[in-house]
Amino acid sequence: MADTTIKVDPAVRDRLMVLARERGMTMRDLLGELAGATPTKEELEARYEATKAYCEKHFGVKLTQTDHDRAEKVWQDLEAGREVDSL
């Protein structure tokens, strides 16, 4: 496989270098690991649908769009440090 280059700010490059060193790997390997571990939007949607189907099959739980929207709001509130209402 042929290598290529990417342009990033020097601060980003330096941080990647530190992260790679701390893990005992090259920046190339670190970026490959990151790309492999980060799901695409399509992969996340497929994972969501599979999880929803599993819950319906094994637990008899039918998740609605309203349930999904409420759960998303809880995550957003948690990430923002806001108080979270019970689901």
PDB file of N, CA and C in Angstrom:
ATOM      1  N   MET A   1       0.846  -1.172   0.000  1.00  0.00           N
ATOM      2  CA  MET A   1       0.000   0.000   0.000  1.00  0.00           C
ATOM      3  C   MET A   1       0.892   1.236   0.000  1.00  0.00           C
ATOM      4  N   ALA A   2       0.550   2.193  -0.831  1.00  0.00           N
ATOM      5  CA  ALA A   2       1.327   3.432  -0.923  1.00  0.00           C
ATOM      6  C   ALA A   2       0.932   4.387   0.195  1.00  0.00           C
ATOM      7  N   ASP A   3       1.922   5.049   0.765  1.00  0.00           N
ATOM      8  CA  ASP A   3       1.662   6.054   1.787  1.00  0.00           C
ATOM      9  C   ASP A   3       1.240   7.359   1.131  1.00  0.00           C
ATOM     10  N   THR A   4       0.581   8.193   1.908  1.00  0.00           N
ATOM     11  CA  THR A   4       0.190   9.511   1.454  1.00  0.00           C
ATOM     12  C   THR A   4       0.431  10.491   2.593  1.00  0.00           C
ATOM     13  N   THR A   5       0.250  11.745   2.346  1.00  0.00           N
ATOM     14  CA  THR A   5       0.415  12.744   3.399  1.00  0.00           C
ATOM     15  C   THR A   5      -0.911  13.446   3.631  1.00  0.00           C
ATOM     16  N   ILE A   6      -1.067  13.971   4.833  1.00  0.00           N
ATOM     17  CA  ILE A   6      -2.228  14.789   5.150  1.00  0.00           C
ATOM     18  C   ILE A   6      -1.711  16.072   5.789  1.00  0.00           C
ATOM     19  N   LYS A   7      -2.425  17.150   5.568  1.00  0.00           N
ATOM     20  CA  LYS A   7      -2.020  18.432   6.140  1.00  0.00           C
ATOM     21  C   LYS A   7      -2.847  18.712   7.380  1.00  0.00           C
ATOM     22  N   VAL A   8      -2.131  18.969   8.475  1.00  0.00           N
ATOM     23  CA  VAL A   8      -2.777  19.332   9.733  1.00  0.00           C
ATOM     24  C   VAL A   8      -1.980  20.467  10.356  1.00  0.00           C
ATOM     25  N   ASP A   9      -2.612  21.164  11.281  1.00  0.00           N
ATOM     26  CA  ASP A   9      -1.903  22.218  12.007  1.00  0.00           C
ATOM     27  C   ASP A   9      -0.737  21.602  12.775  1.00  0.00           C
ATOM     28  N   PRO A  10       0.336  22.345  12.979  1.00  0.00           N
ATOM     29  CA  PRO A  10       1.472  21.819  13.748  1.00  0.00           C
ATOM     30  C   PRO A  10       1.075  21.340  15.142  1.00  0.00           C
ATOM     31  N   ALA A  11       0.129  22.012  15.789  1.00  0.00           N
ATOM     32  CA  ALA A  11      -0.299  21.598  17.124  1.00  0.00           C
ATOM     33  C   ALA A  11      -0.962  20.217  17.079  1.00  0.00           C
ATOM     34  N   VAL A  12      -1.730  19.979  16.037  1.00  0.00           N
ATOM     35  CA  VAL A  12      -2.377  18.666  15.872  1.00  0.00           C
ATOM     36  C   VAL A  12      -1.314  17.610  15.615  1.00  0.00           C
ATOM     37  N   ARG A  13      -0.377  17.907  14.746  1.00  0.00           N
ATOM     38  CA  ARG A  13       0.716  16.978  14.457  1.00  0.00           C
ATOM     39  C   ARG A  13       1.482  16.627  15.724  1.00  0.00           C
ATOM     40  N   ASP A  14       1.796  17.644  16.522  1.00  0.00           N
ATOM     41  CA  ASP A  14       2.559  17.409  17.745  1.00  0.00           C
ATOM     42  C   ASP A  14       1.774  16.550  18.736  1.00  0.00           C
ATOM     43  N   ARG A  15       0.491  16.814  18.828  1.00  0.00           N
ATOM     44  CA  ARG A  15      -0.330  16.019  19.745  1.00  0.00           C
ATOM     45  C   ARG A  15      -0.407  14.570  19.274  1.00  0.00           C
ATOM     46  N   LEU A  16      -0.583  14.371  17.986  1.00  0.00           N
ATOM     47  CA  LEU A  16      -0.602  13.007  17.454  1.00  0.00           C
ATOM     48  C   LEU A  16       0.702  12.287  17.745  1.00  0.00           C
ATOM     49  N   MET A  17       1.816  13.003  17.635  1.00  0.00           N
ATOM     50  CA  MET A  17       3.118  12.418  17.906  1.00  0.00           C
ATOM     51  C   MET A  17       3.214  11.974  19.369  1.00  0.00           C
ATOM     52  N   VAL A  18       2.745  12.807  20.288  1.00  0.00           N
ATOM     53  CA  VAL A  18       2.777  12.454  21.711  1.00  0.00           C
ATOM     54  C   VAL A  18       1.886  11.241  21.969  1.00  0.00           C
ATOM     55  N   LEU A  19       0.678  11.261  21.419  1.00  0.00           N
ATOM     56  CA  LEU A  19      -0.241  10.142  21.617  1.00  0.00           C
ATOM     57  C   LEU A  19       0.341   8.838  21.076  1.00  0.00           C
ATOM     58  N   ALA A  20       0.960   8.906  19.910  1.00  0.00           N
ATOM     59  CA  ALA A  20       1.571   7.716  19.318  1.00  0.00           C
ATOM     60  C   ALA A  20       2.717   7.209  20.182  1.00  0.00           C
ATOM     61  N   ARG A  21       3.582   8.094  20.621  1.00  0.00           N
ATOM     62  CA  ARG A  21       4.713   7.691  21.469  1.00  0.00           C
ATOM     63  C   ARG A  21       4.234   7.037  22.760  1.00  0.00           C
ATOM     64  N   GLU A  22       3.200   7.627  23.378  1.00  0.00           N
ATOM     65  CA  GLU A  22       2.679   7.073  24.629  1.00  0.00           C
ATOM     66  C   GLU A  22       2.137   5.652  24.438  1.00  0.00           C
ATOM     67  N   ARG A  23       1.720   5.342  23.240  1.00  0.00           N
ATOM     68  CA  ARG A  23       1.183   4.010  22.950  1.00  0.00           C
ATOM     69  C   ARG A  23       2.235   3.090  22.332  1.00  0.00           C
ATOM     70  N   GLY A  24       3.437   3.626  22.153  1.00  0.00           N
ATOM     71  CA  GLY A  24       4.509   2.817  21.575  1.00  0.00           C
ATOM     72  C   GLY A  24       4.264   2.452  20.124  1.00  0.00           C
ATOM     73  N   MET A  25       3.696   3.393  19.383  1.00  0.00           N
ATOM     74  CA  MET A  25       3.406   3.126  17.967  1.00  0.00           C
ATOM     75  C   MET A  25       3.765   4.340  17.127  1.00  0.00           C
ATOM     76  N   THR A  26       3.696   4.162  15.831  1.00  0.00           N
ATOM     77  CA  THR A  26       3.947   5.268  14.924  1.00  0.00           C
ATOM     78  C   THR A  26       2.678   6.090  14.757  1.00  0.00           C
ATOM     79  N   MET A  27       2.838   7.302  14.247  1.00  0.00           N
ATOM     80  CA  MET A  27       1.668   8.132  13.958  1.00  0.00           C
ATOM     81  C   MET A  27       0.799   7.453  12.903  1.00  0.00           C
ATOM     82  N   ARG A  28       1.434   6.805  11.959  1.00  0.00           N
ATOM     83  CA  ARG A  28       0.701   6.089  10.917  1.00  0.00           C
ATOM     84  C   ARG A  28      -0.202   5.028  11.548  1.00  0.00           C
ATOM     85  N   ASP A  29       0.360   4.248  12.482  1.00  0.00           N
ATOM     86  CA  ASP A  29      -0.430   3.215  13.140  1.00  0.00           C
ATOM     87  C   ASP A  29      -1.524   3.812  14.012  1.00  0.00           C
ATOM     88  N   LEU A  30      -1.218   4.914  14.695  1.00  0.00           N
ATOM     89  CA  LEU A  30      -2.213   5.588  15.527  1.00  0.00           C
ATOM     90  C   LEU A  30      -3.395   6.057  14.685  1.00  0.00           C
ATOM     91  N   LEU A  31      -3.117   6.693  13.566  1.00  0.00           N
ATOM     92  CA  LEU A  31      -4.195   7.175  12.696  1.00  0.00           C
ATOM     93  C   LEU A  31      -4.997   6.015  12.123  1.00  0.00           C
ATOM     94  N   GLY A  32      -4.302   4.928  11.777  1.00  0.00           N
ATOM     95  CA  GLY A  32      -5.004   3.745  11.284  1.00  0.00           C
ATOM     96  C   GLY A  32      -5.916   3.154  12.336  1.00  0.00           C
ATOM     97  N   GLU A  33      -5.431   3.122  13.581  1.00  0.00           N
ATOM     98  CA  GLU A  33      -6.242   2.618  14.688  1.00  0.00           C
ATOM     99  C   GLU A  33      -7.458   3.509  14.914  1.00  0.00           C
ATOM    100  N   LEU A  34      -7.240   4.806  14.895  1.00  0.00           N
ATOM    101  CA  LEU A  34      -8.337   5.758  15.079  1.00  0.00           C
ATOM    102  C   LEU A  34      -9.386   5.613  13.972  1.00  0.00           C
ATOM    103  N   ALA A  35      -8.933   5.540  12.738  1.00  0.00           N
ATOM    104  CA  ALA A  35      -9.869   5.414  11.616  1.00  0.00           C
ATOM    105  C   ALA A  35     -10.645   4.101  11.696  1.00  0.00           C
ATOM    106  N   GLY A  36      -9.979   3.038  12.112  1.00  0.00           N
ATOM    107  CA  GLY A  36     -10.645   1.747  12.215  1.00  0.00           C
ATOM    108  C   GLY A  36     -11.623   1.667  13.369  1.00  0.00           C
ATOM    109  N   ALA A  37     -11.370   2.429  14.427  1.00  0.00           N
ATOM    110  CA  ALA A  37     -12.211   2.369  15.623  1.00  0.00           C
ATOM    111  C   ALA A  37     -13.346   3.384  15.615  1.00  0.00           C
ATOM    112  N   THR A  38     -13.349   4.304  14.663  1.00  0.00           N
ATOM    113  CA  THR A  38     -14.367   5.352  14.614  1.00  0.00           C
ATOM    114  C   THR A  38     -15.426   4.989  13.578  1.00  0.00           C
ATOM    115  N   PRO A  39     -16.639   4.690  14.040  1.00  0.00           N
ATOM    116  CA  PRO A  39     -17.678   4.291  13.082  1.00  0.00           C
ATOM    117  C   PRO A  39     -18.194   5.465  12.253  1.00  0.00           C
ATOM    118  N   THR A  40     -18.580   5.142  11.031  1.00  0.00           N
ATOM    119  CA  THR A  40     -19.196   6.138  10.154  1.00  0.00           C
ATOM    120  C   THR A  40     -20.656   6.319  10.563  1.00  0.00           C
ATOM    121  N   LYS A  41     -21.287   7.334  10.027  1.00  0.00           N
ATOM    122  CA  LYS A  41     -22.705   7.561  10.302  1.00  0.00           C
ATOM    123  C   LYS A  41     -23.525   6.338   9.882  1.00  0.00           C
ATOM    124  N   GLU A  42     -23.199   5.782   8.731  1.00  0.00           N
ATOM    125  CA  GLU A  42     -23.911   4.598   8.231  1.00  0.00           C
ATOM    126  C   GLU A  42     -23.725   3.412   9.179  1.00  0.00           C
ATOM    127  N   GLU A  43     -22.510   3.220   9.686  1.00  0.00           N
ATOM    128  CA  GLU A  43     -22.249   2.124  10.619  1.00  0.00           C
ATOM    129  C   GLU A  43     -22.996   2.336  11.941  1.00  0.00           C
ATOM    130  N   LEU A  44     -23.050   3.576  12.415  1.00  0.00           N
ATOM    131  CA  LEU A  44     -23.795   3.866  13.642  1.00  0.00           C
ATOM    132  C   LEU A  44     -25.285   3.598  13.458  1.00  0.00           C
ATOM    133  N   GLU A  45     -25.827   3.963  12.315  1.00  0.00           N
ATOM    134  CA  GLU A  45     -27.246   3.719  12.053  1.00  0.00           C
ATOM    135  C   GLU A  45     -27.531   2.226  11.997  1.00  0.00           C
ATOM    136  N   ALA A  46     -26.632   1.456  11.374  1.00  0.00           N
ATOM    137  CA  ALA A  46     -26.810   0.002  11.300  1.00  0.00           C
ATOM    138  C   ALA A  46     -26.729  -0.611  12.690  1.00  0.00           C
ATOM    139  N   ARG A  47     -25.814  -0.123  13.519  1.00  0.00           N
ATOM    140  CA  ARG A  47     -25.676  -0.607  14.896  1.00  0.00           C
ATOM    141  C   ARG A  47     -26.943  -0.296  15.689  1.00  0.00           C
ATOM    142  N   TYR A  48     -27.485   0.896  15.494  1.00  0.00           N
ATOM    143  CA  TYR A  48     -28.714   1.284  16.188  1.00  0.00           C
ATOM    144  C   TYR A  48     -29.865   0.356  15.796  1.00  0.00           C
ATOM    145  N   GLU A  49     -30.011   0.112  14.509  1.00  0.00           N
ATOM    146  CA  GLU A  49     -31.101  -0.756  14.041  1.00  0.00           C
ATOM    147  C   GLU A  49     -30.932  -2.174  14.566  1.00  0.00           C
ATOM    148  N   ALA A  50     -29.708  -2.678  14.597  1.00  0.00           N
ATOM    149  CA  ALA A  50     -29.453  -4.025  15.121  1.00  0.00           C
ATOM    150  C   ALA A  50     -29.766  -4.093  16.612  1.00  0.00           C
ATOM    151  N   THR A  51     -29.401  -3.060  17.352  1.00  0.00           N
ATOM    152  CA  THR A  51     -29.680  -3.022  18.790  1.00  0.00           C
ATOM    153  C   THR A  51     -31.177  -2.961  19.043  1.00  0.00           C
ATOM    154  N   LYS A  52     -31.851  -2.145  18.253  1.00  0.00           N
ATOM    155  CA  LYS A  52     -33.306  -2.015  18.376  1.00  0.00           C
ATOM    156  C   LYS A  52     -33.986  -3.361  18.099  1.00  0.00           C
ATOM    157  N   ALA A  53     -33.557  -4.049  17.056  1.00  0.00           N
ATOM    158  CA  ALA A  53     -34.124  -5.354  16.714  1.00  0.00           C
ATOM    159  C   ALA A  53     -33.839  -6.380  17.820  1.00  0.00           C
ATOM    160  N   TYR A  54     -32.645  -6.342  18.392  1.00  0.00           N
ATOM    161  CA  TYR A  54     -32.288  -7.262  19.472  1.00  0.00           C
ATOM    162  C   TYR A  54     -33.184  -7.033  20.690  1.00  0.00           C
ATOM    163  N   CYS A  55     -33.387  -5.775  21.048  1.00  0.00           N
ATOM    164  CA  CYS A  55     -34.246  -5.448  22.192  1.00  0.00           C
ATOM    165  C   CYS A  55     -35.670  -5.926  21.959  1.00  0.00           C
ATOM    166  N   GLU A  56     -36.157  -5.760  20.750  1.00  0.00           N
ATOM    167  CA  GLU A  56     -37.514  -6.207  20.431  1.00  0.00           C
ATOM    168  C   GLU A  56     -37.618  -7.726  20.504  1.00  0.00           C
ATOM    169  N   LYS A  57     -36.623  -8.430  19.957  1.00  0.00           N
ATOM    170  CA  LYS A  57     -36.659  -9.892  19.909  1.00  0.00           C
ATOM    171  C   LYS A  57     -36.457 -10.513  21.289  1.00  0.00           C
ATOM    172  N   HIS A  58     -35.481 -10.044  22.032  1.00  0.00           N
ATOM    173  CA  HIS A  58     -35.109 -10.711  23.277  1.00  0.00           C
ATOM    174  C   HIS A  58     -35.788 -10.149  24.526  1.00  0.00           C
ATOM    175  N   PHE A  59     -36.226  -8.904  24.481  1.00  0.00           N
ATOM    176  CA  PHE A  59     -36.814  -8.295  25.665  1.00  0.00           C
ATOM    177  C   PHE A  59     -38.257  -7.851  25.457  1.00  0.00           C
ATOM    178  N   GLY A  60     -38.756  -7.958  24.248  1.00  0.00           N
ATOM    179  CA  GLY A  60     -40.115  -7.539  23.962  1.00  0.00           C
ATOM    180  C   GLY A  60     -40.311  -6.036  24.041  1.00  0.00           C
ATOM    181  N   VAL A  61     -39.216  -5.294  23.914  1.00  0.00           N
ATOM    182  CA  VAL A  61     -39.258  -3.838  24.012  1.00  0.00           C
ATOM    183  C   VAL A  61     -39.322  -3.245  22.608  1.00  0.00           C
ATOM    184  N   LYS A  62     -40.357  -2.483  22.351  1.00  0.00           N
ATOM    185  CA  LYS A  62     -40.478  -1.802  21.062  1.00  0.00           C
ATOM    186  C   LYS A  62     -40.097  -0.344  21.261  1.00  0.00           C
ATOM    187  N   LEU A  63     -38.959   0.046  20.709  1.00  0.00           N
ATOM    188  CA  LEU A  63     -38.477   1.421  20.844  1.00  0.00           C
ATOM    189  C   LEU A  63     -39.073   2.288  19.745  1.00  0.00           C
ATOM    190  N   THR A  64     -39.676   3.390  20.153  1.00  0.00           N
ATOM    191  CA  THR A  64     -40.292   4.307  19.198  1.00  0.00           C
ATOM    192  C   THR A  64     -39.337   5.464  18.903  1.00  0.00           C
ATOM    193  N   GLN A  65     -39.691   6.267  17.948  1.00  0.00           N
ATOM    194  CA  GLN A  65     -38.902   7.459  17.651  1.00  0.00           C
ATOM    195  C   GLN A  65     -38.892   8.415  18.842  1.00  0.00           C
ATOM    196  N   THR A  66     -40.010   8.461  19.563  1.00  0.00           N
ATOM    197  CA  THR A  66     -40.083   9.296  20.767  1.00  0.00           C
ATOM    198  C   THR A  66     -39.080   8.811  21.813  1.00  0.00           C
ATOM    199  N   ASP A  67     -38.983   7.488  21.993  1.00  0.00           N
ATOM    200  CA  ASP A  67     -38.001   6.924  22.927  1.00  0.00           C
ATOM    201  C   ASP A  67     -36.587   7.321  22.511  1.00  0.00           C
ATOM    202  N   HIS A  68     -36.326   7.202  21.237  1.00  0.00           N
ATOM    203  CA  HIS A  68     -35.005   7.558  20.707  1.00  0.00           C
ATOM    204  C   HIS A  68     -34.711   9.042  20.968  1.00  0.00           C
ATOM    205  N   ASP A  69     -35.677   9.898  20.671  1.00  0.00           N
ATOM    206  CA  ASP A  69     -35.480  11.337  20.866  1.00  0.00           C
ATOM    207  C   ASP A  69     -35.244  11.680  22.332  1.00  0.00           C
ATOM    208  N   ARG A  70     -35.984  11.039  23.235  1.00  0.00           N
ATOM    209  CA  ARG A  70     -35.797  11.285  24.664  1.00  0.00           C
ATOM    210  C   ARG A  70     -34.409  10.838  25.115  1.00  0.00           C
ATOM    211  N   ALA A  71     -33.959   9.687  24.642  1.00  0.00           N
ATOM    212  CA  ALA A  71     -32.629   9.193  25.010  1.00  0.00           C
ATOM    213  C   ALA A  71     -31.541  10.126  24.472  1.00  0.00           C
ATOM    214  N   GLU A  72     -31.718  10.608  23.265  1.00  0.00           N
ATOM    215  CA  GLU A  72     -30.744  11.551  22.689  1.00  0.00           C
ATOM    216  C   GLU A  72     -30.655  12.816  23.537  1.00  0.00           C
ATOM    217  N   LYS A  73     -31.808  13.302  24.005  1.00  0.00           N
ATOM    218  CA  LYS A  73     -31.801  14.506  24.844  1.00  0.00           C
ATOM    219  C   LYS A  73     -31.057  14.249  26.151  1.00  0.00           C
ATOM    220  N   VAL A  74     -31.241  13.064  26.729  1.00  0.00           N
ATOM    221  CA  VAL A  74     -30.523  12.730  27.962  1.00  0.00           C
ATOM    222  C   VAL A  74     -29.025  12.775  27.714  1.00  0.00           C
ATOM    223  N   TRP A  75     -28.554  12.162  26.621  1.00  0.00           N
ATOM    224  CA  TRP A  75     -27.113  12.180  26.315  1.00  0.00           C
ATOM    225  C   TRP A  75     -26.610  13.602  26.108  1.00  0.00           C
ATOM    226  N   GLN A  76     -27.384  14.404  25.397  1.00  0.00           N
ATOM    227  CA  GLN A  76     -26.974  15.797  25.171  1.00  0.00           C
ATOM    228  C   GLN A  76     -26.885  16.563  26.489  1.00  0.00           C
ATOM    229  N   ASP A  77     -27.857  16.333  27.379  1.00  0.00           N
ATOM    230  CA  ASP A  77     -27.835  16.998  28.679  1.00  0.00           C
ATOM    231  C   ASP A  77     -26.631  16.540  29.507  1.00  0.00           C
ATOM    232  N   LEU A  78     -26.351  15.246  29.494  1.00  0.00           N
ATOM    233  CA  LEU A  78     -25.195  14.729  30.224  1.00  0.00           C
ATOM    234  C   LEU A  78     -23.899  15.349  29.708  1.00  0.00           C
ATOM    235  N   GLU A  79     -23.753  15.382  28.389  1.00  0.00           N
ATOM    236  CA  GLU A  79     -22.538  15.938  27.791  1.00  0.00           C
ATOM    237  C   GLU A  79     -22.390  17.423  28.112  1.00  0.00           C
ATOM    238  N   ALA A  80     -23.508  18.122  28.240  1.00  0.00           N
ATOM    239  CA  ALA A  80     -23.470  19.559  28.523  1.00  0.00           C
ATOM    240  C   ALA A  80     -23.396  19.850  30.020  1.00  0.00           C
ATOM    241  N   GLY A  81     -23.449  18.803  30.856  1.00  0.00           N
ATOM    242  CA  GLY A  81     -23.386  19.000  32.293  1.00  0.00           C
ATOM    243  C   GLY A  81     -24.685  19.491  32.895  1.00  0.00           C
ATOM    244  N   ARG A  82     -25.779  19.326  32.156  1.00  0.00           N
ATOM    245  CA  ARG A  82     -27.085  19.743  32.677  1.00  0.00           C
ATOM    246  C   ARG A  82     -27.719  18.610  33.475  1.00  0.00           C
ATOM    247  N   GLU A  83     -28.634  18.990  34.356  1.00  0.00           N
ATOM    248  CA  GLU A  83     -29.373  17.991  35.133  1.00  0.00           C
ATOM    249  C   GLU A  83     -30.217  17.146  34.177  1.00  0.00           C
ATOM    250  N   VAL A  84     -30.298  15.857  34.465  1.00  0.00           N
ATOM    251  CA  VAL A  84     -31.004  14.925  33.578  1.00  0.00           C
ATOM    252  C   VAL A  84     -32.259  14.419  34.254  1.00  0.00           C
ATOM    253  N   ASP A  85     -33.369  14.535  33.532  1.00  0.00           N
ATOM    254  CA  ASP A  85     -34.624  13.962  34.018  1.00  0.00           C
ATOM    255  C   ASP A  85     -34.589  12.460  33.774  1.00  0.00           C
ATOM    256  N   SER A  86     -35.354  11.734  34.532  1.00  0.00           N
ATOM    257  CA  SER A  86     -35.447  10.289  34.382  1.00  0.00           C
ATOM    258  C   SER A  86     -36.052   9.962  33.015  1.00  0.00           C
ATOM    259  N   LEU A  87     -35.603   8.866  32.442  1.00  0.00           N
ATOM    260  CA  LEU A  87     -36.203   8.402  31.195  1.00  0.00           C
ATOM    261  C   LEU A  87     -37.571   7.847  31.495  1.00  0.00           C
TER     262      LEU A  87
END
